[in-house]
Amino acid sequence: MAHNPWAKRDAWRYEGQFTRYNRFKNTLPGLGIGTAAFLSYWAYEHFILKKGHDEHGHH
């Protein structure tokens, strides 16, 4: 592999706040909380609020 004479000057691009993890960790803020809330509500609705389809509209 060829020697890159600019390697030292480009090193900052891959360190500290510019690491791949730090660049992408905040791309979808709230996705984890939103997913957890959706799954919690889905589980509540599915397991707690069990109603048959034939119960709708009958009094």
N, C-alpha and C. Protein backbone atom coordinates (compact mmCIF):
# COMPACT_ATOMS: atom_id res chain seq x y z
N MET A 1 0.85 -1.17 0.00
CA MET A 1 0.00 0.00 0.00
C MET A 1 0.90 1.24 0.00
N ALA A 2 0.49 2.22 -0.75
CA ALA A 2 1.29 3.44 -0.89
C ALA A 2 1.21 4.28 0.38
N HIS A 3 2.28 4.98 0.65
CA HIS A 3 2.33 5.87 1.82
C HIS A 3 1.54 7.14 1.53
N ASN A 4 0.68 7.50 2.45
CA ASN A 4 -0.12 8.71 2.30
C ASN A 4 0.58 9.85 3.03
N PRO A 5 1.10 10.84 2.31
CA PRO A 5 1.80 11.95 2.97
C PRO A 5 0.87 12.83 3.80
N TRP A 6 -0.42 12.76 3.60
CA TRP A 6 -1.38 13.59 4.32
C TRP A 6 -2.04 12.84 5.47
N ALA A 7 -1.58 11.67 5.81
CA ALA A 7 -2.22 10.84 6.84
C ALA A 7 -2.31 11.56 8.19
N LYS A 8 -1.24 12.23 8.60
CA LYS A 8 -1.27 12.94 9.88
C LYS A 8 -2.27 14.09 9.86
N ARG A 9 -2.37 14.78 8.75
CA ARG A 9 -3.30 15.91 8.67
C ARG A 9 -4.76 15.45 8.57
N ASP A 10 -4.99 14.25 8.07
CA ASP A 10 -6.34 13.73 7.95
C ASP A 10 -6.79 12.92 9.16
N ALA A 11 -5.92 12.72 10.12
CA ALA A 11 -6.24 11.86 11.26
C ALA A 11 -7.42 12.40 12.07
N TRP A 12 -7.60 13.71 12.14
CA TRP A 12 -8.69 14.29 12.92
C TRP A 12 -10.06 13.86 12.40
N ARG A 13 -10.15 13.49 11.13
CA ARG A 13 -11.43 13.10 10.55
C ARG A 13 -11.98 11.80 11.13
N TYR A 14 -11.12 11.02 11.76
CA TYR A 14 -11.51 9.69 12.25
C TYR A 14 -11.32 9.55 13.75
N GLU A 15 -11.18 10.65 14.46
CA GLU A 15 -10.95 10.61 15.91
C GLU A 15 -11.99 11.47 16.63
N GLY A 16 -12.16 11.20 17.91
CA GLY A 16 -13.02 12.03 18.77
C GLY A 16 -14.45 12.10 18.31
N GLN A 17 -14.95 13.32 18.15
CA GLN A 17 -16.35 13.50 17.77
C GLN A 17 -16.63 13.13 16.33
N PHE A 18 -15.61 12.86 15.54
CA PHE A 18 -15.81 12.53 14.14
C PHE A 18 -15.69 11.03 13.85
N THR A 19 -15.67 10.19 14.90
CA THR A 19 -15.64 8.76 14.66
C THR A 19 -16.97 8.34 14.04
N ARG A 20 -16.98 7.21 13.38
CA ARG A 20 -18.20 6.74 12.72
C ARG A 20 -19.34 6.59 13.73
N TYR A 21 -19.05 6.06 14.90
CA TYR A 21 -20.09 5.91 15.93
C TYR A 21 -20.67 7.26 16.32
N ASN A 22 -19.82 8.24 16.59
CA ASN A 22 -20.32 9.55 17.02
C ASN A 22 -21.06 10.29 15.92
N ARG A 23 -20.71 10.05 14.66
CA ARG A 23 -21.41 10.73 13.57
C ARG A 23 -22.83 10.19 13.39
N PHE A 24 -23.05 8.91 13.65
CA PHE A 24 -24.34 8.31 13.35
C PHE A 24 -25.20 7.99 14.56
N LYS A 25 -24.71 8.21 15.77
CA LYS A 25 -25.49 7.81 16.94
C LYS A 25 -26.75 8.66 17.14
N ASN A 26 -26.79 9.86 16.64
CA ASN A 26 -27.95 10.73 16.82
C ASN A 26 -28.72 10.97 15.51
N THR A 27 -28.60 10.07 14.55
CA THR A 27 -29.29 10.29 13.28
C THR A 27 -30.80 10.07 13.41
N LEU A 28 -31.23 9.19 14.29
CA LEU A 28 -32.66 8.93 14.47
C LEU A 28 -33.03 9.10 15.95
N PRO A 29 -33.09 10.35 16.42
CA PRO A 29 -33.39 10.56 17.84
C PRO A 29 -34.82 10.13 18.16
N GLY A 30 -34.99 9.45 19.27
CA GLY A 30 -36.30 9.04 19.70
C GLY A 30 -36.78 7.73 19.12
N LEU A 31 -36.00 7.11 18.24
CA LEU A 31 -36.44 5.86 17.63
C LEU A 31 -36.58 4.76 18.68
N GLY A 32 -35.65 4.66 19.61
CA GLY A 32 -35.73 3.63 20.65
C GLY A 32 -36.91 3.83 21.56
N ILE A 33 -37.14 5.05 21.99
CA ILE A 33 -38.27 5.35 22.88
C ILE A 33 -39.59 5.14 22.14
N GLY A 34 -39.65 5.57 20.90
CA GLY A 34 -40.87 5.39 20.10
C GLY A 34 -41.18 3.93 19.86
N THR A 35 -40.17 3.15 19.57
CA THR A 35 -40.36 1.71 19.35
C THR A 35 -40.84 1.04 20.63
N ALA A 36 -40.24 1.39 21.76
CA ALA A 36 -40.65 0.81 23.04
C ALA A 36 -42.09 1.20 23.37
N ALA A 37 -42.46 2.44 23.13
CA ALA A 37 -43.83 2.88 23.41
C ALA A 37 -44.83 2.15 22.51
N PHE A 38 -44.49 2.02 21.23
CA PHE A 38 -45.38 1.32 20.31
C PHE A 38 -45.55 -0.14 20.72
N LEU A 39 -44.46 -0.81 21.04
CA LEU A 39 -44.56 -2.22 21.43
C LEU A 39 -45.31 -2.40 22.74
N SER A 40 -45.15 -1.47 23.66
CA SER A 40 -45.89 -1.53 24.93
C SER A 40 -47.39 -1.38 24.68
N TYR A 41 -47.76 -0.41 23.86
CA TYR A 41 -49.18 -0.22 23.57
C TYR A 41 -49.74 -1.40 22.80
N TRP A 42 -48.97 -1.91 21.84
CA TRP A 42 -49.43 -3.07 21.07
C TRP A 42 -49.67 -4.26 21.99
N ALA A 43 -48.74 -4.53 22.91
CA ALA A 43 -48.89 -5.65 23.83
C ALA A 43 -50.11 -5.43 24.74
N TYR A 44 -50.31 -4.21 25.22
CA TYR A 44 -51.48 -3.89 26.05
C TYR A 44 -52.76 -4.14 25.28
N GLU A 45 -52.82 -3.63 24.06
CA GLU A 45 -54.02 -3.79 23.26
C GLU A 45 -54.26 -5.26 22.89
N HIS A 46 -53.22 -5.97 22.61
CA HIS A 46 -53.35 -7.36 22.17
C HIS A 46 -53.70 -8.31 23.32
N PHE A 47 -53.08 -8.13 24.46
CA PHE A 47 -53.26 -9.08 25.56
C PHE A 47 -54.29 -8.62 26.60
N ILE A 48 -54.41 -7.34 26.85
CA ILE A 48 -55.29 -6.84 27.90
C ILE A 48 -56.68 -6.53 27.35
N LEU A 49 -56.74 -5.90 26.21
CA LEU A 49 -58.02 -5.48 25.65
C LEU A 49 -58.54 -6.51 24.64
N LYS A 50 -58.53 -7.77 25.01
CA LYS A 50 -58.99 -8.81 24.08
C LYS A 50 -60.50 -8.69 23.91
N LYS A 51 -60.90 -8.48 22.69
CA LYS A 51 -62.31 -8.47 22.33
C LYS A 51 -62.44 -9.26 21.05
N GLY A 52 -63.51 -9.98 20.95
CA GLY A 52 -63.77 -10.71 19.72
C GLY A 52 -64.25 -9.77 18.64
N HIS A 53 -64.05 -10.12 17.40
CA HIS A 53 -64.49 -9.27 16.30
C HIS A 53 -66.01 -9.22 16.21
N ASP A 54 -66.69 -10.26 16.68
CA ASP A 54 -68.14 -10.28 16.59
C ASP A 54 -68.82 -9.48 17.69
N GLU A 55 -68.08 -8.91 18.62
CA GLU A 55 -68.68 -8.11 19.69
C GLU A 55 -68.93 -6.66 19.27
N HIS A 56 -68.33 -6.24 18.19
CA HIS A 56 -68.47 -4.84 17.77
C HIS A 56 -69.87 -4.60 17.22
N GLY A 57 -70.53 -3.57 17.69
CA GLY A 57 -71.82 -3.18 17.17
C GLY A 57 -73.00 -3.88 17.81
N HIS A 58 -72.81 -4.87 18.64
CA HIS A 58 -73.91 -5.56 19.29
C HIS A 58 -74.06 -5.06 20.72
N HIS A 59 -75.28 -4.71 21.10
CA HIS A 59 -75.50 -4.18 22.46
C HIS A 59 -76.23 -5.18 23.29
